[in-house]
PDB file of all heavy atoms in Angstrom:
ATOM      1  N   PRO A   1     100.778 -36.210  -5.896  1.00  0.00           N
ATOM      2  CA  PRO A   1      99.879 -36.484  -7.001  1.00  0.00           C
ATOM      3  C   PRO A   1      99.879 -35.540  -8.133  1.00  0.00           C
ATOM      4  O   PRO A   1      99.142 -35.705  -9.147  1.00  0.00           O
ATOM      5  CB  PRO A   1      98.471 -36.474  -6.335  1.00  0.00           C
ATOM      6  CG  PRO A   1      98.608 -35.536  -5.180  1.00  0.00           C
ATOM      7  CD  PRO A   1     100.015 -35.629  -4.731  1.00  0.00           C
ATOM      8  N   ARG A   2     100.633 -34.408  -8.070  1.00  0.00           N
ATOM      9  CA  ARG A   2     100.810 -33.380  -8.995  1.00  0.00           C
ATOM     10  C   ARG A   2      99.627 -32.495  -9.162  1.00  0.00           C
ATOM     11  O   ARG A   2      99.602 -31.607 -10.060  1.00  0.00           O
ATOM     12  CB  ARG A   2     101.205 -33.951 -10.366  1.00  0.00           C
ATOM     13  CG  ARG A   2     102.691 -34.498 -10.441  1.00  0.00           C
ATOM     14  CD  ARG A   2     102.998 -34.812 -11.841  1.00  0.00           C
ATOM     15  NE  ARG A   2     102.900 -33.625 -12.671  1.00  0.00           N
ATOM     16  CZ  ARG A   2     102.271 -33.635 -13.979  1.00  0.00           C
ATOM     17  NH1 ARG A   2     101.886 -34.779 -14.397  1.00  0.00           N
ATOM     18  NH2 ARG A   2     102.212 -32.553 -14.685  1.00  0.00           N
ATOM     19  N   THR A   3      98.536 -32.698  -8.395  1.00  0.00           N
ATOM     20  CA  THR A   3      97.347 -31.847  -8.464  1.00  0.00           C
ATOM     21  C   THR A   3      97.744 -30.547  -7.691  1.00  0.00           C
ATOM     22  O   THR A   3      98.402 -30.569  -6.724  1.00  0.00           O
ATOM     23  CB  THR A   3      96.137 -32.477  -7.933  1.00  0.00           C
ATOM     24  OG1 THR A   3      96.441 -32.994  -6.627  1.00  0.00           O
ATOM     25  CG2 THR A   3      95.731 -33.635  -8.846  1.00  0.00           C
ATOM     26  N   PHE A   4      97.111 -29.385  -8.111  1.00  0.00           N
ATOM     27  CA  PHE A   4      97.369 -28.168  -7.422  1.00  0.00           C
ATOM     28  C   PHE A   4      96.821 -28.202  -6.015  1.00  0.00           C
ATOM     29  O   PHE A   4      97.606 -27.759  -5.025  1.00  0.00           O
ATOM     30  CB  PHE A   4      96.740 -27.070  -8.230  1.00  0.00           C
ATOM     31  CG  PHE A   4      97.065 -25.699  -7.639  1.00  0.00           C
ATOM     32  CD1 PHE A   4      98.260 -25.068  -7.979  1.00  0.00           C
ATOM     33  CD2 PHE A   4      96.166 -24.957  -6.865  1.00  0.00           C
ATOM     34  CE1 PHE A   4      98.561 -23.835  -7.470  1.00  0.00           C
ATOM     35  CE2 PHE A   4      96.421 -23.721  -6.406  1.00  0.00           C
ATOM     36  CZ  PHE A   4      97.649 -23.076  -6.643  1.00  0.00           C
ATOM     37  N   PHE A   5      95.633 -28.687  -5.829  1.00  0.00           N
ATOM     38  CA  PHE A   5      95.067 -28.745  -4.500  1.00  0.00           C
ATOM     39  C   PHE A   5      95.277 -30.182  -3.902  1.00  0.00           C
ATOM     40  O   PHE A   5      94.953 -31.193  -4.598  1.00  0.00           O
ATOM     41  CB  PHE A   5      93.602 -28.474  -4.499  1.00  0.00           C
ATOM     42  CG  PHE A   5      93.273 -27.087  -4.931  1.00  0.00           C
ATOM     43  CD1 PHE A   5      92.638 -26.823  -6.195  1.00  0.00           C
ATOM     44  CD2 PHE A   5      93.664 -25.984  -4.199  1.00  0.00           C
ATOM     45  CE1 PHE A   5      92.359 -25.541  -6.600  1.00  0.00           C
ATOM     46  CE2 PHE A   5      93.377 -24.730  -4.580  1.00  0.00           C
ATOM     47  CZ  PHE A   5      92.684 -24.484  -5.780  1.00  0.00           C
ATOM     48  N   ILE A   6      95.763 -30.316  -2.762  1.00  0.00           N
ATOM     49  CA  ILE A   6      95.992 -31.519  -2.136  1.00  0.00           C
ATOM     50  C   ILE A   6      95.420 -31.583  -0.680  1.00  0.00           C
ATOM     51  O   ILE A   6      95.277 -30.495  -0.020  1.00  0.00           O
ATOM     52  CB  ILE A   6      97.480 -31.979  -2.026  1.00  0.00           C
ATOM     53  CG1 ILE A   6      98.268 -30.923  -1.216  1.00  0.00           C
ATOM     54  CG2 ILE A   6      98.006 -32.203  -3.362  1.00  0.00           C
ATOM     55  CD1 ILE A   6      99.654 -31.351  -0.961  1.00  0.00           C
ATOM     56  N   LYS A   7      95.055 -32.739  -0.114  1.00  0.00           N
ATOM     57  CA  LYS A   7      94.545 -32.876   1.253  1.00  0.00           C
ATOM     58  C   LYS A   7      95.741 -32.758   2.205  1.00  0.00           C
ATOM     59  O   LYS A   7      96.947 -32.846   1.852  1.00  0.00           O
ATOM     60  CB  LYS A   7      93.880 -34.238   1.448  1.00  0.00           C
ATOM     61  CG  LYS A   7      92.683 -34.416   0.676  1.00  0.00           C
ATOM     62  CD  LYS A   7      91.876 -35.697   1.129  1.00  0.00           C
ATOM     63  CE  LYS A   7      92.817 -36.862   0.929  1.00  0.00           C
ATOM     64  NZ  LYS A   7      92.142 -38.153   1.315  1.00  0.00           N
ATOM     65  N   THR A   8      95.410 -32.544   3.436  1.00  0.00           N
ATOM     66  CA  THR A   8      96.469 -32.565   4.514  1.00  0.00           C
ATOM     67  C   THR A   8      96.671 -34.026   4.892  1.00  0.00           C
ATOM     68  O   THR A   8      95.753 -34.790   5.211  1.00  0.00           O
ATOM     69  CB  THR A   8      95.913 -31.853   5.764  1.00  0.00           C
ATOM     70  OG1 THR A   8      95.499 -30.549   5.420  1.00  0.00           O
ATOM     71  CG2 THR A   8      97.046 -31.795   6.883  1.00  0.00           C
ATOM     72  N   VAL A   9      97.898 -34.457   4.715  1.00  0.00           N
ATOM     73  CA  VAL A   9      98.244 -35.826   4.979  1.00  0.00           C
ATOM     74  C   VAL A   9      98.308 -36.013   6.437  1.00  0.00           C
ATOM     75  O   VAL A   9      98.908 -35.248   7.233  1.00  0.00           O
ATOM     76  CB  VAL A   9      99.705 -36.170   4.395  1.00  0.00           C
ATOM     77  CG1 VAL A   9     100.107 -37.570   4.840  1.00  0.00           C
ATOM     78  CG2 VAL A   9      99.594 -36.073   2.865  1.00  0.00           C
ATOM     79  N   LYS A  10      97.580 -37.055   6.982  1.00  0.00           N
ATOM     80  CA  LYS A  10      97.480 -37.419   8.388  1.00  0.00           C
ATOM     81  C   LYS A  10      97.750 -38.843   8.644  1.00  0.00           C
ATOM     82  O   LYS A  10      97.840 -39.635   7.584  1.00  0.00           O
ATOM     83  CB  LYS A  10      96.073 -37.010   8.839  1.00  0.00           C
ATOM     84  CG  LYS A  10      95.769 -35.480   8.761  1.00  0.00           C
ATOM     85  CD  LYS A  10      94.345 -35.276   9.265  1.00  0.00           C
ATOM     86  CE  LYS A  10      93.960 -33.718   9.060  1.00  0.00           C
ATOM     87  NZ  LYS A  10      92.583 -33.494   9.432  1.00  0.00           N
ATOM     88  N   THR A  11      97.717 -39.292   9.846  1.00  0.00           N
ATOM     89  CA  THR A  11      97.980 -40.691  10.080  1.00  0.00           C
ATOM     90  C   THR A  11      96.981 -41.610   9.533  1.00  0.00           C
ATOM     91  O   THR A  11      97.264 -42.633   9.000  1.00  0.00           O
ATOM     92  CB  THR A  11      98.013 -40.883  11.681  1.00  0.00           C
ATOM     93  OG1 THR A  11      98.979 -39.992  12.229  1.00  0.00           O
ATOM     94  CG2 THR A  11      98.393 -42.267  12.022  1.00  0.00           C
ATOM     95  N   ILE A  12      95.653 -41.147   9.608  1.00  0.00           N
ATOM     96  CA  ILE A  12      94.560 -41.972   9.011  1.00  0.00           C
ATOM     97  C   ILE A  12      94.188 -41.594   7.636  1.00  0.00           C
ATOM     98  O   ILE A  12      93.269 -42.170   7.054  1.00  0.00           O
ATOM     99  CB  ILE A  12      93.336 -41.852   9.890  1.00  0.00           C
ATOM    100  CG1 ILE A  12      92.908 -40.373  10.096  1.00  0.00           C
ATOM    101  CG2 ILE A  12      93.637 -42.419  11.347  1.00  0.00           C
ATOM    102  CD1 ILE A  12      91.540 -40.209  10.787  1.00  0.00           C
ATOM    103  N   SER A  13      94.867 -40.574   7.040  1.00  0.00           N
ATOM    104  CA  SER A  13      94.576 -40.180   5.679  1.00  0.00           C
ATOM    105  C   SER A  13      95.887 -39.882   5.015  1.00  0.00           C
ATOM    106  O   SER A  13      96.366 -38.740   4.915  1.00  0.00           O
ATOM    107  CB  SER A  13      93.655 -38.964   5.669  1.00  0.00           C
ATOM    108  OG  SER A  13      93.383 -38.468   4.360  1.00  0.00           O
ATOM    109  N   THR A  14      96.449 -40.934   4.376  1.00  0.00           N
ATOM    110  CA  THR A  14      97.795 -40.767   3.860  1.00  0.00           C
ATOM    111  C   THR A  14      97.814 -40.502   2.351  1.00  0.00           C
ATOM    112  O   THR A  14      98.840 -40.251   1.795  1.00  0.00           O
ATOM    113  CB  THR A  14      98.587 -42.187   4.004  1.00  0.00           C
ATOM    114  OG1 THR A  14      97.792 -43.213   3.430  1.00  0.00           O
ATOM    115  CG2 THR A  14      98.689 -42.386   5.575  1.00  0.00           C
ATOM    116  N   ASN A  15      96.628 -40.544   1.679  1.00  0.00           N
ATOM    117  CA  ASN A  15      96.549 -40.286   0.274  1.00  0.00           C
ATOM    118  C   ASN A  15      96.290 -38.733   0.095  1.00  0.00           C
ATOM    119  O   ASN A  15      95.225 -38.291   0.447  1.00  0.00           O
ATOM    120  CB  ASN A  15      95.499 -41.064  -0.339  1.00  0.00           C
ATOM    121  CG  ASN A  15      95.354 -40.863  -1.883  1.00  0.00           C
ATOM    122  OD1 ASN A  15      96.309 -40.173  -2.469  1.00  0.00           O
ATOM    123  ND2 ASN A  15      94.370 -41.342  -2.501  1.00  0.00           N
ATOM    124  N   PRO A  16      97.198 -37.986  -0.490  1.00  0.00           N
ATOM    125  CA  PRO A  16      96.983 -36.515  -0.551  1.00  0.00           C
ATOM    126  C   PRO A  16      96.089 -36.086  -1.630  1.00  0.00           C
ATOM    127  O   PRO A  16      95.709 -34.953  -1.714  1.00  0.00           O
ATOM    128  CB  PRO A  16      98.396 -35.965  -0.785  1.00  0.00           C
ATOM    129  CG  PRO A  16      99.084 -37.123  -1.459  1.00  0.00           C
ATOM    130  CD  PRO A  16      98.523 -38.401  -0.914  1.00  0.00           C
ATOM    131  N   ALA A  17      95.697 -37.024  -2.582  1.00  0.00           N
ATOM    132  CA  ALA A  17      94.802 -36.568  -3.666  1.00  0.00           C
ATOM    133  C   ALA A  17      93.348 -36.446  -3.238  1.00  0.00           C
ATOM    134  O   ALA A  17      92.843 -37.395  -2.518  1.00  0.00           O
ATOM    135  CB  ALA A  17      94.958 -37.606  -4.790  1.00  0.00           C
ATOM    136  N   TYR A  18      92.679 -35.500  -3.669  1.00  0.00           N
ATOM    137  CA  TYR A  18      91.293 -35.292  -3.312  1.00  0.00           C
ATOM    138  C   TYR A  18      90.418 -36.222  -4.300  1.00  0.00           C
ATOM    139  O   TYR A  18      90.829 -36.454  -5.469  1.00  0.00           O
ATOM    140  CB  TYR A  18      90.833 -33.923  -3.622  1.00  0.00           C
ATOM    141  CG  TYR A  18      91.046 -32.865  -2.476  1.00  0.00           C
ATOM    142  CD1 TYR A  18      91.982 -31.838  -2.566  1.00  0.00           C
ATOM    143  CD2 TYR A  18      90.315 -33.059  -1.315  1.00  0.00           C
ATOM    144  CE1 TYR A  18      92.121 -30.967  -1.557  1.00  0.00           C
ATOM    145  CE2 TYR A  18      90.437 -32.185  -0.232  1.00  0.00           C
ATOM    146  CZ  TYR A  18      91.393 -31.182  -0.371  1.00  0.00           C
ATOM    147  OH  TYR A  18      91.610 -30.298   0.668  1.00  0.00           O
ATOM    148  N   GLU A  19      89.323 -36.702  -3.804  1.00  0.00           N
ATOM    149  CA  GLU A  19      88.355 -37.306  -4.622  1.00  0.00           C
ATOM    150  C   GLU A  19      86.979 -36.508  -4.495  1.00  0.00           C
ATOM    151  O   GLU A  19      86.950 -35.567  -3.719  1.00  0.00           O
ATOM    152  CB  GLU A  19      88.186 -38.815  -4.386  1.00  0.00           C
ATOM    153  CG  GLU A  19      88.100 -39.234  -2.895  1.00  0.00           C
ATOM    154  CD  GLU A  19      86.717 -39.248  -2.419  1.00  0.00           C
ATOM    155  OE1 GLU A  19      85.828 -39.274  -3.244  1.00  0.00           O
ATOM    156  OE2 GLU A  19      86.481 -39.234  -1.209  1.00  0.00           O
ATOM    157  N   GLN A  20      85.907 -36.995  -5.112  1.00  0.00           N
ATOM    158  CA  GLN A  20      84.664 -36.219  -5.261  1.00  0.00           C
ATOM    159  C   GLN A  20      84.188 -35.812  -3.841  1.00  0.00           C
ATOM    160  O   GLN A  20      83.903 -34.617  -3.627  1.00  0.00           O
ATOM    161  CB  GLN A  20      83.657 -36.928  -5.990  1.00  0.00           C
ATOM    162  CG  GLN A  20      82.343 -36.262  -6.096  1.00  0.00           C
ATOM    163  CD  GLN A  20      81.278 -37.044  -6.893  1.00  0.00           C
ATOM    164  OE1 GLN A  20      81.612 -38.072  -7.381  1.00  0.00           O
ATOM    165  NE2 GLN A  20      80.107 -36.567  -6.986  1.00  0.00           N
ATOM    166  N   HIS A  21      84.067 -36.777  -2.917  1.00  0.00           N
ATOM    167  CA  HIS A  21      83.477 -36.526  -1.665  1.00  0.00           C
ATOM    168  C   HIS A  21      84.354 -35.645  -0.742  1.00  0.00           C
ATOM    169  O   HIS A  21      83.897 -34.726  -0.061  1.00  0.00           O
ATOM    170  CB  HIS A  21      83.059 -37.794  -0.943  1.00  0.00           C
ATOM    171  CG  HIS A  21      82.088 -38.532  -1.807  1.00  0.00           C
ATOM    172  ND1 HIS A  21      80.762 -38.182  -2.047  1.00  0.00           N
ATOM    173  CD2 HIS A  21      82.233 -39.835  -2.410  1.00  0.00           C
ATOM    174  CE1 HIS A  21      80.108 -39.123  -2.788  1.00  0.00           C
ATOM    175  NE2 HIS A  21      81.069 -40.085  -3.018  1.00  0.00           N
ATOM    176  N   THR A  22      85.665 -35.915  -0.787  1.00  0.00           N
ATOM    177  CA  THR A  22      86.568 -35.209   0.115  1.00  0.00           C
ATOM    178  C   THR A  22      86.707 -33.793  -0.295  1.00  0.00           C
ATOM    179  O   THR A  22      86.788 -32.840   0.518  1.00  0.00           O
ATOM    180  CB  THR A  22      87.929 -35.859   0.160  1.00  0.00           C
ATOM    181  OG1 THR A  22      88.447 -36.107  -1.118  1.00  0.00           O
ATOM    182  CG2 THR A  22      87.829 -37.215   0.908  1.00  0.00           C
ATOM    183  N   PHE A  23      86.711 -33.556  -1.633  1.00  0.00           N
ATOM    184  CA  PHE A  23      86.813 -32.162  -2.151  1.00  0.00           C
ATOM    185  C   PHE A  23      85.536 -31.333  -1.810  1.00  0.00           C
ATOM    186  O   PHE A  23      85.561 -30.146  -1.364  1.00  0.00           O
ATOM    187  CB  PHE A  23      86.996 -32.092  -3.598  1.00  0.00           C
ATOM    188  CG  PHE A  23      87.496 -30.794  -4.197  1.00  0.00           C
ATOM    189  CD1 PHE A  23      88.825 -30.356  -4.103  1.00  0.00           C
ATOM    190  CD2 PHE A  23      86.539 -29.906  -4.727  1.00  0.00           C
ATOM    191  CE1 PHE A  23      89.159 -29.082  -4.554  1.00  0.00           C
ATOM    192  CE2 PHE A  23      86.916 -28.684  -5.237  1.00  0.00           C
ATOM    193  CZ  PHE A  23      88.280 -28.248  -5.097  1.00  0.00           C
ATOM    194  N   TYR A  24      84.368 -31.987  -1.914  1.00  0.00           N
ATOM    195  CA  TYR A  24      83.159 -31.334  -1.550  1.00  0.00           C
ATOM    196  C   TYR A  24      83.137 -30.970  -0.109  1.00  0.00           C
ATOM    197  O   TYR A  24      82.767 -29.807   0.247  1.00  0.00           O
ATOM    198  CB  TYR A  24      81.986 -32.288  -1.877  1.00  0.00           C
ATOM    199  CG  TYR A  24      80.588 -31.684  -1.469  1.00  0.00           C
ATOM    200  CD1 TYR A  24      79.853 -30.858  -2.189  1.00  0.00           C
ATOM    201  CD2 TYR A  24      80.071 -32.047  -0.269  1.00  0.00           C
ATOM    202  CE1 TYR A  24      78.648 -30.376  -1.746  1.00  0.00           C
ATOM    203  CE2 TYR A  24      78.846 -31.630   0.203  1.00  0.00           C
ATOM    204  CZ  TYR A  24      78.141 -30.747  -0.566  1.00  0.00           C
ATOM    205  OH  TYR A  24      76.952 -30.226  -0.193  1.00  0.00           O
ATOM    206  N   GLU A  25      83.574 -31.868   0.791  1.00  0.00           N
ATOM    207  CA  GLU A  25      83.582 -31.690   2.237  1.00  0.00           C
ATOM    208  C   GLU A  25      84.612 -30.560   2.499  1.00  0.00           C
ATOM    209  O   GLU A  25      84.361 -29.776   3.475  1.00  0.00           O
ATOM    210  CB  GLU A  25      83.928 -32.933   2.966  1.00  0.00           C
ATOM    211  CG  GLU A  25      82.800 -33.956   2.985  1.00  0.00           C
ATOM    212  CD  GLU A  25      81.476 -33.361   3.578  1.00  0.00           C
ATOM    213  OE1 GLU A  25      81.574 -32.624   4.518  1.00  0.00           O
ATOM    214  OE2 GLU A  25      80.353 -33.672   3.181  1.00  0.00           O
ATOM    215  N   ALA A  26      85.685 -30.529   1.854  1.00  0.00           N
ATOM    216  CA  ALA A  26      86.700 -29.486   2.123  1.00  0.00           C
ATOM    217  C   ALA A  26      86.099 -28.065   1.774  1.00  0.00           C
ATOM    218  O   ALA A  26      86.235 -27.079   2.582  1.00  0.00           O
ATOM    219  CB  ALA A  26      87.924 -29.647   1.212  1.00  0.00           C
ATOM    220  N   TRP A  27      85.373 -27.974   0.718  1.00  0.00           N
ATOM    221  CA  TRP A  27      84.677 -26.715   0.341  1.00  0.00           C
ATOM    222  C   TRP A  27      83.639 -26.368   1.346  1.00  0.00           C
ATOM    223  O   TRP A  27      83.505 -25.222   1.798  1.00  0.00           O
ATOM    224  CB  TRP A  27      84.068 -26.742  -1.110  1.00  0.00           C
ATOM    225  CG  TRP A  27      83.747 -25.459  -1.703  1.00  0.00           C
ATOM    226  CD1 TRP A  27      82.698 -24.735  -1.328  1.00  0.00           C
ATOM    227  CD2 TRP A  27      84.433 -24.711  -2.684  1.00  0.00           C
ATOM    228  NE1 TRP A  27      82.622 -23.542  -2.067  1.00  0.00           N
ATOM    229  CE2 TRP A  27      83.686 -23.545  -2.849  1.00  0.00           C
ATOM    230  CE3 TRP A  27      85.587 -24.916  -3.433  1.00  0.00           C
ATOM    231  CZ2 TRP A  27      84.099 -22.544  -3.790  1.00  0.00           C
ATOM    232  CZ3 TRP A  27      85.987 -24.024  -4.301  1.00  0.00           C
ATOM    233  CH2 TRP A  27      85.317 -22.835  -4.509  1.00  0.00           C
ATOM    234  N   ARG A  28      82.837 -27.328   1.656  1.00  0.00           N
ATOM    235  CA  ARG A  28      81.774 -27.095   2.655  1.00  0.00           C
ATOM    236  C   ARG A  28      82.295 -26.696   4.016  1.00  0.00           C
ATOM    237  O   ARG A  28      81.743 -25.772   4.656  1.00  0.00           O
ATOM    238  CB  ARG A  28      81.025 -28.409   2.826  1.00  0.00           C
ATOM    239  CG  ARG A  28      79.799 -28.360   3.709  1.00  0.00           C
ATOM    240  CD  ARG A  28      79.074 -29.647   3.743  1.00  0.00           C
ATOM    241  NE  ARG A  28      78.138 -29.850   4.786  1.00  0.00           N
ATOM    242  CZ  ARG A  28      76.807 -29.460   4.666  1.00  0.00           C
ATOM    243  NH1 ARG A  28      76.396 -28.970   3.539  1.00  0.00           N
ATOM    244  NH2 ARG A  28      75.972 -29.577   5.667  1.00  0.00           N
ATOM    245  N   THR A  29      83.483 -27.213   4.454  1.00  0.00           N
ATOM    246  CA  THR A  29      84.045 -26.746   5.671  1.00  0.00           C
ATOM    247  C   THR A  29      84.515 -25.312   5.596  1.00  0.00           C
ATOM    248  O   THR A  29      84.422 -24.582   6.583  1.00  0.00           O
ATOM    249  CB  THR A  29      85.289 -27.684   6.033  1.00  0.00           C
ATOM    250  OG1 THR A  29      84.817 -29.032   6.125  1.00  0.00           O
ATOM    251  CG2 THR A  29      85.989 -27.243   7.304  1.00  0.00           C
TER     252      THR A  29
END
């Protein structure tokens, strides 16, 4: 997605781009 920060690609999460809720949860974790 060309963004500096990306999610960990997994079997159930194949889109590496963060969105509002997933980025918040990543920071919270």
